[in-house]
Protein backbone atom coordinates (compact mmCIF):
# COMPACT_ATOMS: atom_id res chain seq x y z
CA UNK A 1 -45.26 112.86 145.45
CA UNK A 2 -44.23 110.64 148.31
CA UNK A 3 -46.39 109.94 151.34
CA UNK A 4 -44.41 112.45 153.55
CA UNK A 5 -44.76 115.23 151.11
CA UNK A 6 -48.56 114.40 150.68
CA UNK A 7 -49.08 114.44 154.48
CA UNK A 8 -47.06 117.67 154.79
CA UNK A 9 -49.27 119.26 152.01
CA UNK A 10 -52.54 118.14 153.67
CA UNK A 11 -51.38 119.44 157.11
CA UNK A 12 -50.59 123.00 155.62
CA UNK A 13 -53.93 123.07 153.76
CA UNK A 14 -55.71 121.80 156.81
CA UNK A 15 -54.13 124.49 159.06
CA UNK A 16 -54.95 127.15 156.43
CA UNK A 17 -58.57 126.14 156.35
CA UNK A 18 -58.70 125.97 160.28
CA UNK A 19 -57.57 129.56 160.79
CA UNK A 20 -59.67 130.84 157.89
CA UNK A 21 -62.88 129.46 159.61
CA UNK A 22 -61.61 131.24 162.77
CA UNK A 23 -61.15 134.48 160.81
CA UNK A 24 -64.68 134.18 159.48
CA UNK A 25 -66.08 133.48 162.79
CA UNK A 26 -64.50 136.53 164.29
CA UNK A 27 -65.47 138.58 161.23
CA UNK A 28 -69.09 137.44 161.92
CA UNK A 29 -68.53 138.94 165.58
CA UNK A 30 -68.44 142.38 164.05
CA UNK A 31 -72.23 142.00 163.14
CA UNK A 32 -72.71 141.15 166.82
CA UNK A 33 -70.92 144.42 167.81
CA UNK A 34 -73.10 146.26 165.43
CA UNK A 35 -76.42 144.96 166.66
CA UNK A 36 -75.38 145.08 170.41
CA UNK A 37 -74.85 148.82 169.84
CA UNK A 38 -77.98 149.33 167.65
CA UNK A 39 -80.14 147.79 170.34
CA UNK A 40 -78.64 149.80 173.16
CA UNK A 41 -78.42 153.31 171.73
CA UNK A 42 -81.52 155.50 171.18
CA UNK A 43 -83.44 155.17 168.01
CA UNK A 44 -82.20 158.32 166.52
CA UNK A 45 -78.49 156.83 166.71
CA UNK A 46 -79.09 153.37 165.35
CA UNK A 47 -77.87 154.06 161.89
CA UNK A 48 -74.74 155.65 162.99
CA UNK A 49 -74.08 152.59 165.11
CA UNK A 50 -74.19 150.31 161.98
CA UNK A 51 -72.26 152.66 159.88
CA UNK A 52 -69.29 153.03 162.32
CA UNK A 53 -68.85 149.40 162.93
CA UNK A 54 -68.63 148.72 159.11
CA UNK A 55 -66.31 151.74 158.35
CA UNK A 56 -64.04 151.12 161.34
CA UNK A 57 -63.58 147.59 160.11
CA UNK A 58 -62.56 148.95 156.67
CA UNK A 59 -60.12 151.57 158.15
CA UNK A 60 -58.77 148.89 160.51
CA UNK A 61 -58.02 146.27 157.67
CA UNK A 62 -55.98 148.79 155.54
CA UNK A 63 -54.09 150.19 158.75
CA UNK A 64 -53.22 146.82 160.07
CA UNK A 65 -52.28 145.45 156.55
CA UNK A 66 -49.85 148.25 155.64
CA UNK A 67 -48.60 149.24 159.05
CA UNK A 68 -49.88 147.44 162.17
CA UNK A 69 -49.05 143.94 161.30
CA UNK A 70 -45.47 144.91 160.57
CA UNK A 71 -45.17 146.68 163.89
CA UNK A 72 -46.47 143.66 165.74
CA UNK A 73 -44.92 140.87 163.77
CA UNK A 74 -42.13 142.40 161.70
CA UNK A 75 -43.51 140.80 158.47
CA UNK A 76 -45.30 142.32 155.53
CA UNK A 77 -47.04 141.29 152.19
CA UNK A 78 -45.13 143.71 149.79
CA UNK A 79 -43.88 140.67 147.82
CA UNK A 80 -45.04 138.67 144.80
CA UNK A 81 -48.13 136.61 144.84
CA UNK A 82 -46.21 133.49 144.20
CA UNK A 83 -44.35 134.04 147.54
CA UNK A 84 -47.48 134.82 149.37
CA UNK A 85 -49.21 131.49 148.29
CA UNK A 86 -46.48 129.43 150.05
CA UNK A 87 -47.94 126.81 152.51
CA UNK A 88 -51.35 127.34 150.82
CA UNK A 89 -51.42 131.00 151.75
CA UNK A 90 -51.26 130.25 155.47
CA UNK A 91 -49.53 133.52 156.40
CA UNK A 92 -52.04 135.60 154.51
CA UNK A 93 -55.02 133.87 156.38
CA UNK A 94 -53.10 134.20 159.63
CA UNK A 95 -53.09 137.97 158.97
CA UNK A 96 -56.83 137.83 158.17
CA UNK A 97 -57.48 136.12 161.54
CA UNK A 98 -55.34 138.61 163.61
CA UNK A 99 -56.70 141.61 161.66
CA UNK A 100 -60.30 140.70 162.93
CA UNK A 101 -58.87 140.96 166.42
CA UNK A 102 -57.25 144.29 165.67
CA UNK A 103 -60.57 145.66 164.17
CA UNK A 104 -62.32 144.71 167.60
CA UNK A 105 -60.63 147.53 169.22
CA UNK A 106 -62.47 150.31 167.53
CA UNK A 107 -65.54 148.21 167.62
CA UNK A 108 -65.23 148.28 171.42
CA UNK A 109 -64.49 151.91 171.47
CA UNK A 110 -67.64 152.67 169.24
CA UNK A 111 -70.05 151.27 172.09
CA UNK A 112 -68.48 153.58 174.66
CA UNK A 113 -68.67 156.96 172.61
CA UNK A 114 -71.93 156.30 171.01
CA UNK A 115 -74.54 159.14 170.32
CA UNK A 116 -72.26 162.11 170.47
CA UNK A 117 -69.08 161.75 168.42
CA UNK A 118 -68.19 163.17 165.09
CA UNK A 119 -67.71 160.72 162.24
CA UNK A 120 -64.36 161.33 160.44
CA UNK A 121 -62.35 162.34 163.44
CA UNK A 122 -63.36 159.13 165.29
CA UNK A 123 -62.56 157.25 162.14
CA UNK A 124 -59.18 158.79 161.87
CA UNK A 125 -58.46 157.86 165.56
CA UNK A 126 -59.44 154.24 164.86
CA UNK A 127 -56.92 154.03 162.03
CA UNK A 128 -54.30 155.37 164.26
CA UNK A 129 -55.06 153.04 167.12
CA UNK A 130 -55.01 149.96 164.90
CA UNK A 131 -51.92 151.08 163.11
CA UNK A 132 -49.75 151.94 166.06
CA UNK A 133 -51.04 151.46 169.60
CA UNK A 134 -52.67 148.30 169.51
CA UNK A 135 -49.96 146.41 167.43
CA UNK A 136 -47.19 147.77 169.74
CA UNK A 137 -48.70 145.99 172.69
CA UNK A 138 -49.80 142.91 170.61
CA UNK A 139 -46.08 142.48 169.48
CA UNK A 140 -44.75 143.00 172.96
CA UNK A 141 -46.90 140.09 174.16
CA UNK A 142 -47.57 137.70 171.36
CA UNK A 143 -44.26 138.13 169.51
CA UNK A 144 -41.92 138.78 172.25
CA UNK A 145 -40.95 142.06 171.02
CA UNK A 146 -38.62 144.41 173.10
CA UNK A 147 -37.73 141.45 175.67
CA UNK A 148 -40.70 142.28 177.79
CA UNK A 149 -41.69 138.55 177.97
CA UNK A 150 -38.21 137.39 178.45
CA UNK A 151 -37.74 139.80 181.33
CA UNK A 152 -40.88 138.48 183.01
CA UNK A 153 -39.88 134.81 182.45
CA UNK A 154 -36.41 135.53 184.01
CA UNK A 155 -37.95 137.55 187.02
CA UNK A 156 -40.97 135.31 187.72
CA UNK A 157 -40.50 132.08 186.10
CA UNK A 158 -43.23 132.50 183.42
CA UNK A 159 -44.08 135.02 180.80
CA UNK A 160 -47.42 136.85 180.66
CA UNK A 161 -49.95 134.35 179.47
CA UNK A 162 -52.96 135.64 177.27
CA UNK A 163 -54.00 132.91 174.93
CA UNK A 164 -56.74 134.76 173.22
CA UNK A 165 -56.59 138.25 174.29
CA UNK A 166 -58.26 138.97 177.57
CA UNK A 167 -55.73 141.95 177.91
CA UNK A 168 -54.07 142.23 174.47
CA UNK A 169 -57.52 142.72 172.79
CA UNK A 170 -60.19 143.31 175.29
CA UNK A 171 -58.49 145.21 178.15
CA UNK A 172 -56.64 147.27 175.55
CA UNK A 173 -59.88 148.25 173.78
CA UNK A 174 -61.71 149.00 176.97
CA UNK A 175 -59.03 151.27 178.41
CA UNK A 176 -58.69 152.97 174.98
CA UNK A 177 -62.45 153.47 175.05
CA UNK A 178 -62.30 154.77 178.66
CA UNK A 179 -59.87 157.58 177.38
CA UNK A 180 -62.16 158.39 174.55
CA UNK A 181 -65.14 158.76 176.79
CA UNK A 182 -63.40 160.89 179.20
CA UNK A 183 -62.06 163.16 176.42
CA UNK A 184 -65.72 163.41 174.89
CA UNK A 185 -67.69 163.82 178.22
CA UNK A 186 -71.23 162.86 178.87
CA UNK A 187 -74.19 163.05 176.52
CA UNK A 188 -76.38 166.08 176.91
CA UNK A 189 -79.20 165.44 179.30
CA UNK A 190 -77.67 162.36 180.77
CA UNK A 191 -77.19 164.01 184.13
CA UNK A 192 -79.67 166.23 186.07
CA UNK A 193 -78.79 167.98 189.24
CA UNK A 194 -76.19 165.23 189.82
CA UNK A 195 -78.41 162.32 189.10
CA UNK A 196 -78.19 159.91 186.13
CA UNK A 197 -81.18 160.09 183.74
CA UNK A 198 -82.06 156.69 182.24
CA UNK A 199 -81.78 156.51 178.49
CA UNK A 200 -83.65 153.31 177.80
CA UNK A 201 -82.31 150.93 175.00
CA UNK A 202 -84.13 151.31 171.77
CA UNK A 203 -84.57 147.71 170.87
CA UNK A 204 -83.91 144.75 173.07
CA UNK A 205 -84.31 142.03 170.49
CA UNK A 206 -81.49 143.63 168.43
CA UNK A 207 -79.41 144.07 171.63
CA UNK A 208 -80.03 140.18 172.23
CA UNK A 209 -79.24 139.28 168.71
CA UNK A 210 -75.84 141.14 168.91
CA UNK A 211 -75.02 139.22 172.10
CA UNK A 212 -75.88 135.94 170.67
CA UNK A 213 -73.78 136.66 167.40
CA UNK A 214 -70.86 137.78 169.63
CA UNK A 215 -71.12 134.64 171.77
CA UNK A 216 -71.26 132.09 169.00
CA UNK A 217 -68.31 133.88 167.22
CA UNK A 218 -66.32 133.87 170.43
CA UNK A 219 -65.86 130.02 170.12
CA UNK A 220 -63.81 130.88 166.93
CA UNK A 221 -62.13 133.79 168.79
CA UNK A 222 -60.91 131.53 171.54
CA UNK A 223 -60.56 127.98 169.99
CA UNK A 224 -58.89 128.97 166.79
CA UNK A 225 -56.47 131.08 168.67
CA UNK A 226 -54.46 127.88 168.65
CA UNK A 227 -53.77 128.82 164.97
CA UNK A 228 -52.93 125.41 163.89
CA UNK A 229 -55.10 122.10 163.77
CA UNK A 230 -52.70 120.15 166.01
CA UNK A 231 -52.97 122.89 168.67
CA UNK A 232 -56.78 122.61 168.90
CA UNK A 233 -58.12 121.83 172.47
CA UNK A 234 -61.61 120.79 173.77
CA UNK A 235 -60.52 122.33 177.01
CA UNK A 236 -60.80 125.88 175.33
CA UNK A 237 -64.11 125.23 173.97
CA UNK A 238 -65.57 123.96 177.34
CA UNK A 239 -63.86 126.63 179.46
CA UNK A 240 -65.29 129.23 177.18
CA UNK A 241 -68.77 127.71 177.66
CA UNK A 242 -68.38 127.49 181.42
CA UNK A 243 -67.20 131.09 181.66
CA UNK A 244 -70.06 132.17 179.49
CA UNK A 245 -72.79 130.41 181.52
CA UNK A 246 -71.10 131.79 184.78
CA UNK A 247 -71.52 135.14 183.38
CA UNK A 248 -75.04 134.61 182.41
CA UNK A 249 -76.21 133.31 185.89
CA UNK A 250 -74.43 135.86 187.97
CA UNK A 251 -75.64 138.83 185.92
CA UNK A 252 -79.13 137.42 186.07
CA UNK A 253 -79.09 137.35 189.80
CA UNK A 254 -77.16 140.56 190.46
CA UNK A 255 -78.73 142.53 187.59
CA UNK A 256 -82.26 141.81 188.79
CA UNK A 257 -83.47 140.02 185.60
CA UNK A 258 -82.56 143.17 183.53
CA UNK A 259 -82.09 141.85 179.88
CA UNK A 260 -79.30 144.36 179.25
CA UNK A 261 -77.02 142.78 182.06
CA UNK A 262 -78.33 139.34 181.21
CA UNK A 263 -77.23 139.55 177.58
CA UNK A 264 -73.96 141.23 178.50
CA UNK A 265 -73.16 138.76 181.23
CA UNK A 266 -71.92 136.04 178.82
CA UNK A 267 -69.86 138.46 177.11
CA UNK A 268 -68.20 139.49 180.39
CA UNK A 269 -67.38 135.77 181.14
CA UNK A 270 -66.04 135.21 177.68
CA UNK A 271 -63.81 138.35 177.84
CA UNK A 272 -62.36 136.99 181.05
CA UNK A 273 -61.65 133.61 180.07
CA UNK A 274 -59.73 134.33 176.90
CA UNK A 275 -56.28 134.64 178.72
CA UNK A 276 -56.53 131.27 180.62
CA UNK A 277 -58.98 129.29 178.44
CA UNK A 278 -56.19 126.75 177.45
CA UNK A 279 -54.94 126.31 181.09
CA UNK A 280 -57.83 126.34 183.53
CA UNK A 281 -59.99 123.46 184.89
CA UNK A 282 -63.61 124.06 183.75
CA UNK A 283 -64.81 124.77 187.29
CA UNK A 284 -62.09 127.56 187.52
CA UNK A 285 -63.46 128.93 184.17
CA UNK A 286 -66.97 128.87 185.51
CA UNK A 287 -65.88 130.97 188.68
CA UNK A 288 -63.90 133.45 186.48
CA UNK A 289 -66.99 133.98 184.36
CA UNK A 290 -69.28 134.29 187.37
CA UNK A 291 -66.92 136.90 188.86
CA UNK A 292 -66.80 138.78 185.41
CA UNK A 293 -70.56 138.89 185.49
CA UNK A 294 -70.59 140.55 188.88
CA UNK A 295 -67.83 142.95 188.03
CA UNK A 296 -69.65 144.16 184.92
CA UNK A 297 -73.07 144.66 186.79
CA UNK A 298 -71.63 146.46 189.90
CA UNK A 299 -69.04 148.57 187.97
CA UNK A 300 -71.46 149.65 185.11
CA UNK A 301 -73.94 150.94 187.87
CA UNK A 302 -71.34 152.50 189.83
CA UNK A 303 -69.69 154.29 186.89
CA UNK A 304 -72.91 155.57 185.55
CA UNK A 305 -74.11 156.81 188.94
CA UNK A 306 -70.92 158.19 190.44
CA UNK A 307 -68.87 159.75 187.63
CA UNK A 308 -70.58 162.19 185.62
CA UNK A 309 -68.02 162.42 182.80
CA UNK A 310 -67.86 158.55 182.48
CA UNK A 311 -70.86 158.20 180.13
CA UNK A 312 -69.95 154.79 178.76
CA UNK A 313 -73.03 153.99 176.77
CA UNK A 314 -72.52 150.15 176.40
CA UNK A 315 -70.33 149.74 179.48
CA UNK A 316 -67.30 148.79 177.33
CA UNK A 317 -64.78 149.85 180.04
CA UNK A 318 -66.09 147.50 182.66
CA UNK A 319 -66.97 144.73 180.15
CA UNK A 320 -63.82 144.69 178.22
CA UNK A 321 -61.32 146.82 180.16
CA UNK A 322 -61.79 145.60 183.69
CA UNK A 323 -63.28 142.11 182.85
CA UNK A 324 -60.31 141.68 180.73
CA UNK A 325 -57.73 142.51 183.34
CA UNK A 326 -59.70 140.10 185.81
CA UNK A 327 -59.29 137.51 183.24
CA UNK A 328 -55.51 137.74 183.05
CA UNK A 329 -55.24 137.61 186.87
CA UNK A 330 -57.68 134.69 187.00
CA UNK A 331 -55.46 132.81 184.67
CA UNK A 332 -52.59 133.32 187.23
CA UNK A 333 -54.81 131.76 189.81
CA UNK A 334 -56.87 129.10 188.20
CA UNK A 335 -54.10 128.22 185.84
CA UNK A 336 -52.23 126.97 188.69
CA UNK A 337 -51.71 123.05 188.94
CA UNK A 338 -52.77 123.43 192.65
CA UNK A 339 -56.31 124.60 191.46
CA UNK A 340 -56.54 121.94 188.59
CA UNK A 341 -54.85 124.02 185.98
CA UNK A 342 -52.03 123.10 183.65
CA UNK A 343 -49.65 125.33 185.23
CA UNK A 344 -46.59 127.17 183.80
CA UNK A 345 -48.02 130.56 184.71
CA UNK A 346 -46.96 133.32 187.31
CA UNK A 347 -49.52 135.46 189.10
CA UNK A 348 -46.97 138.15 189.35
CA UNK A 349 -46.30 138.04 185.48
CA UNK A 350 -50.12 138.28 184.95
CA UNK A 351 -50.32 141.41 187.12
CA UNK A 352 -47.49 143.20 185.73
CA UNK A 353 -48.51 142.19 182.02
CA UNK A 354 -52.13 143.44 182.77
CA UNK A 355 -50.74 146.74 184.26
CA UNK A 356 -48.52 147.27 181.18
CA UNK A 357 -51.65 146.72 178.86
CA UNK A 358 -53.75 149.16 180.80
CA UNK A 359 -50.84 151.84 180.77
CA UNK A 360 -50.06 151.54 176.93
CA UNK A 361 -53.97 151.58 176.12
CA UNK A 362 -55.06 154.39 178.44
CA UNK A 363 -52.15 156.75 177.80
CA UNK A 364 -52.09 155.88 174.01
CA UNK A 365 -55.94 156.58 173.91
CA UNK A 366 -55.53 159.85 175.66
CA UNK A 367 -52.78 160.95 173.27
CA UNK A 368 -54.76 160.00 170.04
CA UNK A 369 -58.15 161.35 171.19
CA UNK A 370 -56.68 164.33 172.89
CA UNK A 371 -54.72 165.45 169.88
CA UNK A 372 -57.56 165.00 167.36
CA UNK A 373 -59.85 166.62 169.88
CA UNK A 374 -57.58 169.76 169.75
CA UNK A 375 -57.17 169.76 166.16
CA UNK A 376 -60.80 169.14 164.98
CA UNK A 377 -62.96 168.41 167.88
CA UNK A 378 -64.54 165.01 168.64
CA UNK A 379 -68.24 165.94 169.57
CA UNK A 380 -71.28 166.84 167.48
CA UNK A 381 -72.81 170.24 168.28
CA UNK A 382 -75.51 170.32 170.83
CA UNK A 383 -78.15 170.69 168.07
CA UNK A 384 -76.75 167.80 166.16
CA UNK A 385 -76.71 165.60 169.24
CA UNK A 386 -80.22 166.44 169.95
CA UNK A 387 -81.49 165.53 166.49
CA UNK A 388 -79.39 162.35 166.50
CA UNK A 389 -76.41 161.21 164.86
CA UNK A 390 -78.44 159.45 162.12
CA UNK A 391 -79.94 162.65 160.66
CA UNK A 392 -76.96 164.86 161.50
CA UNK A 393 -74.31 162.73 159.96
CA UNK A 394 -75.92 160.18 157.61
CA UNK A 395 -79.11 162.24 156.64
CA UNK A 396 -81.45 159.21 157.11
CA UNK A 397 -83.19 157.58 159.96
CA UNK A 398 -83.34 153.84 160.77
CA UNK A 399 -86.90 153.49 159.87
CA UNK A 400 -88.79 155.56 157.32
CA UNK A 401 -91.71 157.75 158.68
CA UNK A 402 -94.92 157.11 156.76
């Protein structure tokens, strides 16, 4: 083996390890989704929250392996293991990494539809979304499918830039969740005489644990989106950090020290910075995260108080859906060289790409959840909801009664 071959082998193995570590970090984020939901829902729905995140991940992996990945990237794994192990199995691990992103879609939806949804109909919906709707838009943006990115570049000088998925993952997940929430309707007892009735989180420590797990894993989500070791950038890491703390501080101030807002604040900032974390100046990232924190607090309170049907338990539509769109637009602003960014981005392309993501997600979500609702129904009965999803679906509560 000559020196060139040895360096090539080392590079391939290093890239495989790099993206594998990213996949494992994003896999760990699903524990964060689980505990954020466990802490936010009422005690009688905690087991259901845990089971949904685990089973959604299982169905997502199978749907993406056999269908979704092919729709997005035109490649599959129906060949011999000898072929799959080329380049130290890099393509397999890249699939693993991107699959953890795909599985985030049902994890996001889960937080919105908590406490009142049937189990298997929602699981089937998760499989259909990860197999068809999410990869359609993912391929459109990240693989250049159907010429959409090329058209944007010809019209506005740059394609739609979404480095780590502010729109491709988060906004798509948030707007699909909005469709699901609207089809389902509000939880029983949530509104009385037109006024919202507060359902307090069951466990703030679990909520905080979930937020921290997500926050730590997010540095794999963003930094490892480079996908190869030579593409790694400290700018992505520090921009993620600055957006995170911007979200914390603004949500603390506007949320009146509420622990729910404070622990979702960093998540809002991180959602928003995904798109432009590789382009912005850290001060731009701080502003982006701060604005996202404000969006989450104001929009969560407005939606809960003003729109009775929009009973979004974890606030996933403002957190992922709207903060994701803001992040893509912020990329088009703070990514400009005039504001300290690296440039090569068009605000108009960012707006059009964001709108496209919203339309695909919301319409796709309405179709999937609407059809399943018409066939089998999505909601628990009133009695089942009153007793809680834990006992009604899983026949066991979160803690034993002595």
